[in-house]
């Protein structure tokens, strides 16, 4: 885990900040994701049919399942000291560039693309904040081509600054 000081954030723009640990994609995860989203397409959930008919040779994870791992992989890779809250703000760009077979190992390679200061009035905490754009590449073990590339926008917020006499 990389620990970053809240005020250090702008000095890291343009740098690779962290690489997460590997996470194995299981059929159980794929099935639970299908149940949660209602996306039961056979290439994800019908193992035997996917082995017989799919061009991938077996079941593959939903692209959005891969993307949904982003907050957890960031959370296990980066800690911002001085932040009391982090908020997902959106996505700028997402591409699913390769199928993720069930059983594949994924990790996230994270670069800080930008950091814009937020005024206290713009934050949920009433303290200072940063709007961050994280460039994330989901790598698959043993594969050259990434599974997904994305730009995630997040806000990192600190507590209000109190001045004591």
Protein backbone atom coordinates (compact mmCIF):
# COMPACT_ATOMS: atom_id res chain seq x y z
CA UNK A 1 0.00 0.00 0.00
CA UNK A 2 1.31 3.43 -0.94
CA UNK A 3 0.61 6.18 1.55
CA UNK A 4 0.34 9.71 0.20
CA UNK A 5 0.08 12.92 2.18
CA UNK A 6 -2.98 15.02 1.28
CA UNK A 7 -0.84 18.05 0.38
CA UNK A 8 1.57 15.89 -1.68
CA UNK A 9 -1.09 14.98 -4.25
CA UNK A 10 -0.33 17.63 -6.91
CA UNK A 11 3.35 16.64 -6.99
CA UNK A 12 2.35 13.17 -8.21
CA UNK A 13 0.48 14.23 -11.37
CA UNK A 14 1.83 12.33 -14.36
CA UNK A 15 3.37 9.57 -12.24
CA UNK A 16 2.49 5.93 -11.71
CA UNK A 17 1.33 5.98 -8.14
CA UNK A 18 0.56 2.33 -7.40
CA UNK A 19 0.13 -1.20 -8.68
CA UNK A 20 -2.47 -3.32 -6.90
CA UNK A 21 -2.12 -6.93 -5.93
CA UNK A 22 -3.49 -9.65 -8.19
CA UNK A 23 -7.17 -10.60 -7.96
CA UNK A 24 -8.48 -13.88 -9.43
CA UNK A 25 -11.83 -13.72 -11.22
CA UNK A 26 -14.05 -16.64 -10.17
CA UNK A 27 -17.21 -18.08 -11.70
CA UNK A 28 -18.97 -17.36 -8.42
CA UNK A 29 -18.14 -13.64 -8.78
CA UNK A 30 -19.40 -13.67 -12.37
CA UNK A 31 -22.65 -15.42 -11.34
CA UNK A 32 -23.24 -13.02 -8.44
CA UNK A 33 -22.58 -10.04 -10.70
CA UNK A 34 -25.05 -11.45 -13.24
CA UNK A 35 -27.66 -11.78 -10.49
CA UNK A 36 -27.00 -8.25 -9.22
CA UNK A 37 -27.23 -6.65 -12.67
CA UNK A 38 -29.67 -8.96 -14.46
CA UNK A 39 -27.08 -9.61 -17.20
CA UNK A 40 -27.24 -13.41 -17.58
CA UNK A 41 -25.77 -13.60 -21.07
CA UNK A 42 -24.60 -17.18 -21.66
CA UNK A 43 -20.97 -16.19 -22.39
CA UNK A 44 -20.76 -15.27 -18.70
CA UNK A 45 -22.90 -17.76 -16.82
CA UNK A 46 -23.39 -20.93 -18.90
CA UNK A 47 -20.03 -22.65 -18.42
CA UNK A 48 -20.69 -25.67 -20.65
CA UNK A 49 -22.17 -23.66 -23.51
CA UNK A 50 -19.34 -21.11 -23.27
CA UNK A 51 -16.80 -23.95 -23.47
CA UNK A 52 -18.57 -25.35 -26.55
CA UNK A 53 -19.65 -22.23 -28.44
CA UNK A 54 -17.83 -19.17 -27.22
CA UNK A 55 -14.88 -17.80 -29.21
CA UNK A 56 -13.20 -17.33 -25.82
CA UNK A 57 -13.14 -21.07 -25.00
CA UNK A 58 -15.07 -20.66 -21.77
CA UNK A 59 -16.96 -18.14 -19.68
CA UNK A 60 -15.69 -14.57 -19.43
CA UNK A 61 -16.30 -11.86 -16.85
CA UNK A 62 -18.63 -8.99 -17.64
CA UNK A 63 -16.69 -5.88 -18.62
CA UNK A 64 -18.52 -3.96 -15.94
CA UNK A 65 -17.51 -6.58 -13.36
CA UNK A 66 -13.88 -5.84 -14.21
CA UNK A 67 -14.55 -2.12 -13.94
CA UNK A 68 -16.41 -2.55 -10.64
CA UNK A 69 -13.20 -3.84 -9.04
CA UNK A 70 -11.63 -0.41 -9.46
CA UNK A 71 -12.59 1.12 -6.08
CA UNK A 72 -11.44 -1.98 -4.18
CA UNK A 73 -8.13 -2.21 -6.07
CA UNK A 74 -7.50 1.50 -5.54
CA UNK A 75 -8.44 1.18 -1.88
CA UNK A 76 -5.97 -1.61 -1.28
CA UNK A 77 -3.21 0.21 -3.18
CA UNK A 78 -3.38 3.86 -2.14
CA UNK A 79 -4.11 5.57 1.15
CA UNK A 80 -4.29 9.35 1.30
CA UNK A 81 -3.31 10.51 4.80
CA UNK A 82 -5.34 13.52 5.84
CA UNK A 83 -8.37 12.58 3.75
CA UNK A 84 -11.49 11.80 5.75
CA UNK A 85 -13.59 10.77 2.77
CA UNK A 86 -13.20 9.63 -0.80
CA UNK A 87 -16.06 9.90 -3.28
CA UNK A 88 -16.40 8.32 -6.72
CA UNK A 89 -17.30 11.17 -9.07
CA UNK A 90 -17.50 9.42 -12.42
CA UNK A 91 -15.62 8.12 -15.41
CA UNK A 92 -14.18 10.00 -18.35
CA UNK A 93 -13.27 7.12 -20.59
CA UNK A 94 -13.55 3.34 -20.39
CA UNK A 95 -12.52 0.71 -22.90
CA UNK A 96 -12.79 -3.06 -22.48
CA UNK A 97 -9.80 -4.06 -24.60
CA UNK A 98 -9.61 -7.82 -23.99
CA UNK A 99 -11.92 -10.52 -22.61
CA UNK A 100 -11.28 -11.65 -19.04
CA UNK A 101 -11.66 -15.43 -18.79
CA UNK A 102 -12.92 -16.88 -15.54
CA UNK A 103 -9.80 -17.87 -13.59
CA UNK A 104 -7.74 -14.93 -14.90
CA UNK A 105 -5.68 -12.84 -12.50
CA UNK A 106 -6.15 -9.07 -12.74
CA UNK A 107 -4.37 -6.12 -11.20
CA UNK A 108 -4.62 -2.36 -11.59
CA UNK A 109 -1.75 -0.10 -12.60
CA UNK A 110 -2.64 3.43 -11.45
CA UNK A 111 -1.37 6.81 -12.69
CA UNK A 112 -2.48 10.19 -11.39
CA UNK A 113 -3.48 12.14 -14.51
CA UNK A 114 -4.66 15.34 -12.83
CA UNK A 115 -5.39 16.89 -9.45
CA UNK A 116 -7.55 20.00 -9.19
CA UNK A 117 -8.01 21.76 -5.86
CA UNK A 118 -11.56 22.07 -4.57
CA UNK A 119 -12.69 24.98 -2.44
CA UNK A 120 -14.22 24.13 0.92
CA UNK A 121 -17.63 25.22 -0.38
CA UNK A 122 -17.40 22.54 -3.12
CA UNK A 123 -16.79 19.62 -0.76
CA UNK A 124 -19.11 17.49 1.33
CA UNK A 125 -16.91 17.92 4.40
CA UNK A 126 -16.51 21.71 4.31
CA UNK A 127 -12.76 21.21 4.23
CA UNK A 128 -10.26 21.28 1.40
CA UNK A 129 -10.38 18.69 -1.34
CA UNK A 130 -8.93 17.43 -4.59
CA UNK A 131 -10.67 16.28 -7.72
CA UNK A 132 -8.46 13.50 -9.04
CA UNK A 133 -8.38 11.76 -12.39
CA UNK A 134 -6.82 8.31 -12.08
CA UNK A 135 -5.63 6.57 -15.21
CA UNK A 136 -6.08 2.86 -14.61
CA UNK A 137 -4.90 -0.07 -16.69
CA UNK A 138 -6.25 -3.49 -15.72
CA UNK A 139 -3.53 -6.02 -16.50
CA UNK A 140 -4.07 -9.76 -16.87
CA UNK A 141 -1.30 -12.02 -15.68
CA UNK A 142 0.53 -13.52 -18.66
CA UNK A 143 -1.16 -11.27 -21.22
CA UNK A 144 0.40 -8.33 -22.99
CA UNK A 145 -2.89 -6.66 -23.87
CA UNK A 146 -4.73 -5.01 -20.97
CA UNK A 147 -8.24 -6.13 -20.08
CA UNK A 148 -9.54 -2.62 -19.52
CA UNK A 149 -8.31 0.96 -19.53
CA UNK A 150 -10.24 3.66 -17.72
CA UNK A 151 -10.10 7.17 -16.36
CA UNK A 152 -11.80 7.38 -12.99
CA UNK A 153 -12.70 10.73 -11.46
CA UNK A 154 -12.72 10.79 -7.67
CA UNK A 155 -12.75 13.38 -4.94
CA UNK A 156 -10.51 13.18 -1.91
CA UNK A 157 -11.78 15.33 0.93
CA UNK A 158 -10.23 16.54 4.18
CA UNK A 159 -11.88 17.76 7.36
CA UNK A 160 -12.44 21.49 7.78
CA UNK A 161 -9.40 23.40 8.95
CA UNK A 162 -9.93 24.95 12.35
CA UNK A 163 -7.74 27.74 13.59
CA UNK A 164 -7.12 27.77 17.29
CA UNK A 165 -5.90 30.96 18.98
